[in-house]
N, C-alpha and C. Protein backbone atom coordinates (compact mmCIF):
# COMPACT_ATOMS: atom_id res chain seq x y z
N MET A 1 0.70 -1.22 -0.19
CA MET A 1 -0.03 0.22 -0.16
C MET A 1 0.74 1.31 -0.14
N ASP A 2 2.23 0.99 0.69
CA ASP A 2 2.64 2.31 0.62
C ASP A 2 3.31 3.10 -0.96
N ASN A 3 3.15 1.93 -1.77
CA ASN A 3 3.26 2.80 -3.29
C ASN A 3 2.15 3.43 -4.12
N LEU A 4 1.22 3.44 -3.35
CA LEU A 4 -0.06 4.27 -4.04
C LEU A 4 0.42 5.65 -4.44
N PRO A 5 -0.07 6.11 -5.32
CA PRO A 5 0.30 7.50 -5.68
C PRO A 5 -0.83 8.27 -4.76
N TYR A 6 -0.13 9.61 -4.64
CA TYR A 6 -0.66 10.60 -3.70
C TYR A 6 -1.91 10.81 -4.36
N THR A 7 -3.04 10.76 -4.03
CA THR A 7 -4.44 11.33 -4.34
C THR A 7 -5.23 12.52 -3.22
N SER A 8 -5.68 13.62 -4.27
CA SER A 8 -6.13 15.01 -3.24
C SER A 8 -7.35 14.27 -3.61
N ILE A 9 -8.43 14.78 -1.98
CA ILE A 9 -9.69 15.13 -2.09
C ILE A 9 -10.11 16.25 -1.78
N ARG A 10 -10.82 17.18 -2.35
CA ARG A 10 -11.83 18.33 -1.73
C ARG A 10 -12.77 18.39 -1.80
N ILE A 11 -13.23 18.68 -0.66
CA ILE A 11 -14.73 18.97 -0.34
C ILE A 11 -14.90 20.57 -0.42
N LYS A 12 -15.93 21.06 -0.83
CA LYS A 12 -16.43 21.90 -1.01
C LYS A 12 -17.95 22.25 -0.61
N ASN A 13 -18.19 23.23 0.53
CA ASN A 13 -19.32 23.56 0.67
C ASN A 13 -20.08 24.70 0.15
N PHE A 14 -21.23 24.56 -0.70
CA PHE A 14 -21.77 25.80 -0.89
C PHE A 14 -23.13 26.29 -0.31
N ASN A 15 -23.67 27.50 -0.46
CA ASN A 15 -24.95 27.77 0.03
C ASN A 15 -25.28 28.77 -1.49
N ILE A 16 -26.37 27.71 -1.85
CA ILE A 16 -26.81 28.98 -3.25
C ILE A 16 -28.46 28.60 -3.11
N ASP A 17 -28.81 29.98 -3.05
CA ASP A 17 -30.31 30.24 -2.55
C ASP A 17 -30.90 29.50 -1.66
N ASP A 18 -29.97 29.86 -0.73
CA ASP A 18 -30.80 28.71 0.91
C ASP A 18 -30.60 27.38 0.85
N HIS A 19 -29.92 26.86 0.00
CA HIS A 19 -29.73 25.34 -0.53
C HIS A 19 -28.23 25.20 -0.18
N ILE A 20 -27.89 23.91 0.63
CA ILE A 20 -26.64 23.39 1.17
C ILE A 20 -26.49 22.21 0.31
N LEU A 21 -25.69 22.44 -0.44
CA LEU A 21 -24.67 21.79 -1.33
C LEU A 21 -22.89 21.32 -0.94
N THR A 22 -23.03 19.57 -1.24
CA THR A 22 -21.32 19.48 -0.76
C THR A 22 -21.24 19.02 -2.24
N GLY A 23 -19.72 19.56 -2.56
CA GLY A 23 -19.09 19.05 -3.95
C GLY A 23 -18.01 18.63 -2.96
N ILE A 24 -17.47 17.17 -4.30
CA ILE A 24 -16.27 16.65 -3.85
C ILE A 24 -15.60 16.62 -5.14
N GLU A 25 -14.28 16.42 -5.35
CA GLU A 25 -13.38 16.40 -6.43
C GLU A 25 -12.41 15.48 -5.66
N ILE A 26 -12.09 14.69 -6.22
CA ILE A 26 -11.14 13.19 -6.32
C ILE A 26 -9.97 13.62 -7.62
N GLU A 27 -8.63 13.80 -7.18
CA GLU A 27 -7.80 13.36 -7.96
C GLU A 27 -7.32 12.23 -8.29
N LEU A 28 -7.63 11.74 -9.52
CA LEU A 28 -7.43 10.49 -9.95
C LEU A 28 -5.74 10.20 -10.84
N PRO A 29 -5.18 8.94 -10.82
CA PRO A 29 -3.76 9.14 -11.11
C PRO A 29 -3.68 9.12 -12.58
N ASN A 30 -3.34 10.11 -13.61
CA ASN A 30 -3.04 9.77 -15.22
C ASN A 30 -4.78 9.70 -15.39
N ALA A 31 -5.80 10.74 -14.84
CA ALA A 31 -6.76 11.16 -15.65
C ALA A 31 -7.75 12.23 -14.66
N PRO A 32 -8.86 12.71 -15.88
CA PRO A 32 -9.38 13.73 -14.97
C PRO A 32 -9.89 13.93 -13.57
N ASN A 33 -10.44 14.68 -13.02
CA ASN A 33 -10.82 14.50 -11.48
C ASN A 33 -12.31 13.77 -11.45
N LEU A 34 -12.61 12.91 -10.45
CA LEU A 34 -14.10 12.64 -10.44
C LEU A 34 -14.54 13.32 -9.51
N VAL A 35 -15.58 14.03 -9.75
CA VAL A 35 -16.39 15.49 -9.40
C VAL A 35 -18.10 14.88 -9.31
N LEU A 36 -18.16 15.22 -7.77
CA LEU A 36 -19.88 14.72 -7.19
C LEU A 36 -20.42 16.36 -6.80
N LEU A 37 -21.68 16.44 -6.86
CA LEU A 37 -22.76 17.57 -6.12
C LEU A 37 -23.60 16.94 -5.66
N ARG A 38 -23.30 16.80 -4.16
CA ARG A 38 -24.89 16.49 -3.21
C ARG A 38 -25.37 17.20 -3.11
N GLY A 39 -26.87 17.17 -3.32
CA GLY A 39 -27.91 18.02 -2.86
C GLY A 39 -28.67 17.47 -1.61
N GLU A 40 -29.70 18.15 -1.45
CA GLU A 40 -30.73 17.42 -0.22
C GLU A 40 -30.74 16.25 -0.52
N LYS A 41 -31.62 16.22 -1.67
CA LYS A 41 -32.47 15.09 -2.03
C LYS A 41 -31.81 14.56 -3.19
N GLY A 42 -30.76 14.47 -4.16
CA GLY A 42 -30.01 13.83 -5.20
C GLY A 42 -28.81 14.56 -4.82
N PHE A 43 -28.14 13.88 -6.16
CA PHE A 43 -27.12 14.39 -6.63
C PHE A 43 -26.55 14.37 -8.14
N ILE A 44 -25.51 15.10 -8.49
CA ILE A 44 -25.25 15.30 -9.90
C ILE A 44 -23.40 14.96 -9.86
N MET A 45 -23.64 14.02 -10.77
CA MET A 45 -22.13 13.27 -10.78
C MET A 45 -21.43 13.49 -12.45
N CYS A 46 -20.25 13.23 -12.68
CA CYS A 46 -19.52 13.39 -13.87
C CYS A 46 -19.88 11.59 -14.17
N GLY A 47 -19.23 11.87 -15.16
CA GLY A 47 -19.34 10.86 -16.28
C GLY A 47 -18.87 9.53 -15.82
N TYR A 48 -17.98 9.38 -14.95
CA TYR A 48 -17.34 8.40 -14.28
C TYR A 48 -18.04 7.73 -13.72
N LEU A 49 -19.13 7.64 -12.82
CA LEU A 49 -20.30 7.46 -12.33
C LEU A 49 -21.27 7.14 -13.27
N ASN A 50 -22.34 6.00 -12.86
CA ASN A 50 -22.64 4.80 -13.88
C ASN A 50 -24.56 5.35 -13.17
N ILE A 51 -25.25 5.68 -14.27
CA ILE A 51 -26.53 6.46 -14.53
C ILE A 51 -27.52 5.71 -14.36
N ASP A 52 -27.10 4.23 -15.28
CA ASP A 52 -27.76 2.96 -15.01
C ASP A 52 -27.92 2.73 -13.60
N VAL A 53 -27.20 2.46 -12.30
CA VAL A 53 -27.23 1.89 -11.75
C VAL A 53 -27.79 2.77 -10.35
N CYS A 54 -27.65 4.17 -10.98
CA CYS A 54 -28.65 5.15 -9.90
C CYS A 54 -29.76 4.95 -10.46
N GLU A 55 -30.23 4.47 -11.76
CA GLU A 55 -31.91 4.11 -12.13
C GLU A 55 -32.01 2.90 -11.24
N LYS A 56 -31.75 1.79 -11.40
CA LYS A 56 -31.98 0.52 -10.93
C LYS A 56 -32.21 0.69 -9.19
N LEU A 57 -31.37 1.81 -8.44
CA LEU A 57 -31.47 1.96 -7.25
C LEU A 57 -32.62 3.35 -6.82
N GLY A 58 -33.43 3.67 -7.93
CA GLY A 58 -34.12 4.58 -7.73
C GLY A 58 -33.82 5.95 -7.10
N LEU A 59 -32.75 6.29 -7.54
CA LEU A 59 -32.65 7.68 -6.71
C LEU A 59 -32.87 8.92 -7.92
N ILE A 60 -32.59 9.85 -7.41
CA ILE A 60 -32.46 11.36 -7.72
C ILE A 60 -31.26 11.57 -8.15
N ALA A 61 -30.64 11.20 -9.22
CA ALA A 61 -29.65 11.54 -10.08
C ALA A 61 -29.51 11.95 -11.24
N ALA A 62 -28.18 12.73 -12.02
CA ALA A 62 -28.11 13.32 -12.94
C ALA A 62 -26.46 13.29 -13.29
N MET A 63 -26.22 13.29 -14.82
CA MET A 63 -24.71 12.80 -14.99
C MET A 63 -24.52 14.47 -16.03
N VAL A 64 -23.53 14.50 -15.68
CA VAL A 64 -22.39 15.80 -16.79
C VAL A 64 -21.67 15.14 -16.89
N SER A 65 -20.96 15.69 -18.00
CA SER A 65 -19.69 15.28 -18.76
C SER A 65 -18.70 16.14 -19.23
N GLY A 66 -17.06 16.41 -18.83
CA GLY A 66 -16.64 17.27 -19.14
C GLY A 66 -15.78 18.13 -18.15
N VAL A 67 -16.10 18.10 -17.07
CA VAL A 67 -15.97 18.62 -15.58
C VAL A 67 -14.83 18.17 -15.03
N LYS A 68 -13.86 19.15 -14.40
CA LYS A 68 -12.87 18.76 -13.83
C LYS A 68 -12.80 19.39 -12.46
N THR A 69 -13.61 20.50 -11.98
CA THR A 69 -14.06 20.60 -10.78
C THR A 69 -15.72 21.08 -10.80
N VAL A 70 -15.93 21.58 -9.15
CA VAL A 70 -17.21 21.38 -8.63
C VAL A 70 -17.90 22.51 -9.59
N GLU A 71 -17.19 23.64 -9.70
CA GLU A 71 -17.73 25.17 -10.31
C GLU A 71 -17.84 24.45 -11.54
N ASP A 72 -16.97 23.95 -12.52
CA ASP A 72 -17.57 23.42 -13.81
C ASP A 72 -18.73 22.70 -13.77
N LEU A 73 -19.09 21.97 -13.14
CA LEU A 73 -19.84 21.19 -12.83
C LEU A 73 -21.58 21.85 -13.10
N LEU A 74 -21.35 23.10 -12.34
CA LEU A 74 -22.57 23.99 -11.65
C LEU A 74 -23.22 24.48 -12.91
N ASP A 75 -21.74 24.44 -13.80
CA ASP A 75 -22.02 25.52 -15.09
C ASP A 75 -22.28 24.61 -16.61
N ALA A 76 -22.38 23.31 -15.99
CA ALA A 76 -22.27 22.11 -16.80
C ALA A 76 -23.67 22.24 -17.69
N GLN A 77 -24.04 21.07 -18.77
CA GLN A 77 -25.69 20.86 -18.94
C GLN A 77 -25.72 19.44 -18.87
N ILE A 78 -26.44 18.98 -17.83
CA ILE A 78 -26.92 17.38 -17.60
C ILE A 78 -27.28 16.66 -18.96
N ARG A 79 -26.15 15.59 -18.76
CA ARG A 79 -26.60 14.92 -20.43
C ARG A 79 -27.43 13.73 -19.99
N ALA A 80 -27.60 13.12 -18.80
CA ALA A 80 -28.41 12.11 -18.63
C ALA A 80 -29.04 12.38 -17.16
N SER A 81 -30.26 11.67 -16.98
CA SER A 81 -30.79 11.64 -15.57
C SER A 81 -31.84 10.72 -15.26
N THR A 82 -31.53 9.84 -14.24
CA THR A 82 -32.94 9.24 -14.09
C THR A 82 -34.41 9.45 -13.77
N THR A 83 -35.05 8.52 -13.90
CA THR A 83 -36.66 8.64 -13.67
C THR A 83 -37.24 9.42 -13.03
N LYS A 84 -36.79 9.27 -11.62
CA LYS A 84 -37.15 9.98 -10.43
C LYS A 84 -36.68 11.15 -10.87
N ALA A 85 -35.26 11.72 -10.75
CA ALA A 85 -34.74 13.29 -11.55
C ALA A 85 -36.03 13.90 -12.46
N LYS A 86 -35.98 13.39 -13.53
CA LYS A 86 -36.66 13.47 -14.77
C LYS A 86 -38.47 14.33 -14.12
N GLU A 87 -38.69 13.62 -13.22
CA GLU A 87 -40.00 13.84 -12.70
C GLU A 87 -40.18 14.66 -11.74
N LEU A 88 -38.80 15.47 -11.38
CA LEU A 88 -38.59 16.63 -10.77
C LEU A 88 -38.32 17.92 -11.54
N GLY A 89 -38.09 17.72 -12.82
CA GLY A 89 -37.78 18.08 -13.80
C GLY A 89 -35.99 18.54 -14.24
N ILE A 90 -35.30 17.91 -13.58
CA ILE A 90 -33.72 17.63 -13.65
C ILE A 90 -34.11 16.85 -15.00
N VAL A 91 -33.64 17.44 -16.05
CA VAL A 91 -33.65 16.84 -17.47
C VAL A 91 -32.55 17.33 -18.24
N PRO A 92 -32.35 16.21 -19.18
CA PRO A 92 -30.75 16.73 -20.17
C PRO A 92 -31.36 17.91 -20.88
N GLY A 93 -30.11 18.67 -21.37
CA GLY A 93 -30.13 19.79 -21.44
C GLY A 93 -30.41 21.12 -20.66
N LYS A 94 -30.80 20.88 -19.45
CA LYS A 94 -30.49 22.22 -18.31
C LYS A 94 -29.45 22.25 -17.14
N LYS A 95 -28.96 23.36 -17.33
CA LYS A 95 -28.02 23.65 -16.60
C LYS A 95 -27.58 23.14 -15.40
N VAL A 96 -26.94 22.94 -14.72
CA VAL A 96 -26.88 22.40 -13.32
C VAL A 96 -27.22 23.26 -12.38
N LYS A 97 -27.09 24.75 -12.50
CA LYS A 97 -27.36 25.86 -11.75
C LYS A 97 -29.09 26.19 -11.95
N GLU A 98 -29.61 25.88 -12.96
CA GLU A 98 -30.74 26.01 -12.86
C GLU A 98 -31.80 24.98 -11.91
N ILE A 99 -30.94 23.69 -11.52
CA ILE A 99 -32.31 23.03 -10.64
C ILE A 99 -31.58 22.49 -9.70
N ILE A 100 -30.25 23.26 -9.19
CA ILE A 100 -30.43 23.73 -7.44
C ILE A 100 -31.46 23.19 -6.33
N ASP A 101 -32.34 24.04 -6.76
CA ASP A 101 -33.26 23.69 -5.86
C ASP A 101 -34.21 22.17 -6.18
N LEU A 102 -33.86 21.44 -7.51
CA LEU A 102 -34.49 20.24 -6.97
C LEU A 102 -33.97 19.19 -6.30
N ILE A 103 -32.38 19.21 -6.40
CA ILE A 103 -31.67 18.54 -5.97
C ILE A 103 -31.52 18.50 -4.22
């Protein structure tokens, strides 16, 4: 285990329009960051994570791609979302910052 490369994990808390959000960025070796934004009801994830698994678990979740930071994620467009997320109005094409009150 001593030979594992150093990895940085950053946790960022946001208060946007009275909604508390937690952003997580994980540096991966030789790869872009893994990025996640957790809201009160659900979460937005980068393309590393599997939207089909979220669907099977019945989660409120959506996926974006091409992001390196949580700030990038907030400005990104949703690429895919689960059925429960779509029922709330979290649909592909919307920007994450437009649906903050829904997650």
